[in-house]
Amino acid sequence: MKVIISKPDTTLYDGDAKLVQLPGTGGLFEMLDNHAPIISSLSKGTIRLVNNEGEKTFEIRGGVVKGQQNDLMILVQ
């Protein structure tokens, strides 16, 4: 799936991913290819992203995620 992780002043990641684990306000959740459409708020924590090169992590203070049709947009603080 195509993933973009952005802060107000910069893009942290723009590329493909096999799995994205997110710190939702109700707890951790994961997104894989062909996930159902979603909009969710994010709390302080770590985004874990797995792609063909390995694993990447991003520390965030909160944010929102919108996902549909294998496109995931994550806006963070």
C-alpha atoms as a PDB file:
ATOM      1  CA  MET A   1       0.000   0.000   0.000  1.00  0.00           C
ATOM      2  CA  LYS A   2       1.060   3.615  -0.568  1.00  0.00           C
ATOM      3  CA  VAL A   3       1.836   5.472   2.679  1.00  0.00           C
ATOM      4  CA  ILE A   4       2.502   9.153   3.346  1.00  0.00           C
ATOM      5  CA  ILE A   5       3.450  10.329   6.849  1.00  0.00           C
ATOM      6  CA  SER A   6       3.505  14.140   7.115  1.00  0.00           C
ATOM      7  CA  LYS A   7       4.128  16.783   9.743  1.00  0.00           C
ATOM      8  CA  PRO A   8       2.963  20.369   9.153  1.00  0.00           C
ATOM      9  CA  ASP A   9       6.410  21.398   7.912  1.00  0.00           C
ATOM     10  CA  THR A  10       7.836  18.213   6.338  1.00  0.00           C
ATOM     11  CA  THR A  11       7.130  14.761   4.933  1.00  0.00           C
ATOM     12  CA  LEU A  12       8.586  11.997   7.103  1.00  0.00           C
ATOM     13  CA  TYR A  13       7.845   9.104   4.741  1.00  0.00           C
ATOM     14  CA  ASP A  14       6.449   8.703   1.235  1.00  0.00           C
ATOM     15  CA  GLY A  15       6.554   5.183  -0.139  1.00  0.00           C
ATOM     16  CA  ASP A  16       5.173   1.661  -0.003  1.00  0.00           C
ATOM     17  CA  ALA A  17       4.534  -0.507   3.044  1.00  0.00           C
ATOM     18  CA  LYS A  18       3.448  -4.056   3.767  1.00  0.00           C
ATOM     19  CA  LEU A  19       2.257  -3.242   7.310  1.00  0.00           C
ATOM     20  CA  VAL A  20       1.709  -0.094   9.346  1.00  0.00           C
ATOM     21  CA  GLN A  21       1.128  -0.242  13.111  1.00  0.00           C
ATOM     22  CA  LEU A  22      -0.421   2.899  14.599  1.00  0.00           C
ATOM     23  CA  PRO A  23      -1.009   4.178  18.165  1.00  0.00           C
ATOM     24  CA  GLY A  24      -4.761   4.834  18.035  1.00  0.00           C
ATOM     25  CA  THR A  25      -6.492   6.623  20.892  1.00  0.00           C
ATOM     26  CA  GLY A  26      -8.215   3.301  21.687  1.00  0.00           C
ATOM     27  CA  GLY A  27      -4.978   1.282  21.470  1.00  0.00           C
ATOM     28  CA  LEU A  28      -2.570  -0.033  18.865  1.00  0.00           C
ATOM     29  CA  PHE A  29      -3.920  -1.203  15.511  1.00  0.00           C
ATOM     30  CA  GLU A  30      -2.397  -2.437  12.268  1.00  0.00           C
ATOM     31  CA  MET A  31      -3.160  -1.779   8.628  1.00  0.00           C
ATOM     32  CA  LEU A  32      -2.386  -4.198   5.787  1.00  0.00           C
ATOM     33  CA  ASP A  33      -3.146  -4.171   2.050  1.00  0.00           C
ATOM     34  CA  ASN A  34      -6.868  -4.003   1.216  1.00  0.00           C
ATOM     35  CA  HIS A  35      -7.843  -2.775   4.693  1.00  0.00           C
ATOM     36  CA  ALA A  36     -11.368  -1.450   5.035  1.00  0.00           C
ATOM     37  CA  PRO A  37     -11.635   2.373   4.756  1.00  0.00           C
ATOM     38  CA  ILE A  38     -10.744   4.088   8.025  1.00  0.00           C
ATOM     39  CA  ILE A  39     -10.423   7.491   9.663  1.00  0.00           C
ATOM     40  CA  SER A  40      -8.983   7.501  13.178  1.00  0.00           C
ATOM     41  CA  SER A  41      -7.276   9.775  15.671  1.00  0.00           C
ATOM     42  CA  LEU A  42      -3.803   8.896  16.904  1.00  0.00           C
ATOM     43  CA  SER A  43      -2.280   9.349  20.332  1.00  0.00           C
ATOM     44  CA  LYS A  44       1.314   9.824  21.446  1.00  0.00           C
ATOM     45  CA  GLY A  45       3.411   6.798  20.548  1.00  0.00           C
ATOM     46  CA  THR A  46       5.306   5.046  17.781  1.00  0.00           C
ATOM     47  CA  ILE A  47       4.314   4.368  14.186  1.00  0.00           C
ATOM     48  CA  ARG A  48       5.896   1.116  13.022  1.00  0.00           C
ATOM     49  CA  LEU A  49       6.165   0.631   9.271  1.00  0.00           C
ATOM     50  CA  VAL A  50       7.373  -2.533   7.501  1.00  0.00           C
ATOM     51  CA  ASN A  51       8.430  -2.339   3.843  1.00  0.00           C
ATOM     52  CA  ASN A  52      10.698  -4.337   1.509  1.00  0.00           C
ATOM     53  CA  GLU A  53      13.827  -2.772   3.055  1.00  0.00           C
ATOM     54  CA  GLY A  54      12.872  -3.644   6.642  1.00  0.00           C
ATOM     55  CA  GLU A  55      11.268  -1.760   9.494  1.00  0.00           C
ATOM     56  CA  LYS A  56      11.096   1.969  10.227  1.00  0.00           C
ATOM     57  CA  THR A  57       9.701   3.714  13.310  1.00  0.00           C
ATOM     58  CA  PHE A  58       8.459   7.266  13.842  1.00  0.00           C
ATOM     59  CA  GLU A  59       7.781   8.828  17.257  1.00  0.00           C
ATOM     60  CA  ILE A  60       4.673  11.029  17.228  1.00  0.00           C
ATOM     61  CA  ARG A  61       2.764  13.226  19.695  1.00  0.00           C
ATOM     62  CA  GLY A  62      -0.625  12.569  18.071  1.00  0.00           C
ATOM     63  CA  GLY A  63      -2.392  12.955  14.773  1.00  0.00           C
ATOM     64  CA  VAL A  64      -4.960  11.458  12.405  1.00  0.00           C
ATOM     65  CA  VAL A  65      -4.975   8.729   9.769  1.00  0.00           C
ATOM     66  CA  LYS A  66      -7.162   8.271   6.709  1.00  0.00           C
ATOM     67  CA  GLY A  67      -6.990   5.103   4.666  1.00  0.00           C
ATOM     68  CA  GLN A  68      -8.872   3.847   1.623  1.00  0.00           C
ATOM     69  CA  GLN A  69      -8.112   1.780  -1.493  1.00  0.00           C
ATOM     70  CA  ASN A  70      -4.528   0.986  -0.382  1.00  0.00           C
ATOM     71  CA  ASP A  71      -3.684   4.696   0.144  1.00  0.00           C
ATOM     72  CA  LEU A  72      -2.812   5.704   3.701  1.00  0.00           C
ATOM     73  CA  MET A  73      -2.372   9.370   4.692  1.00  0.00           C
ATOM     74  CA  ILE A  74      -1.047   9.941   8.208  1.00  0.00           C
ATOM     75  CA  LEU A  75      -0.859  13.522   9.532  1.00  0.00           C
ATOM     76  CA  VAL A  76       1.146  13.813  12.757  1.00  0.00           C
ATOM     77  CA  GLN A  77       2.520  16.295  15.255  1.00  0.00           C
END
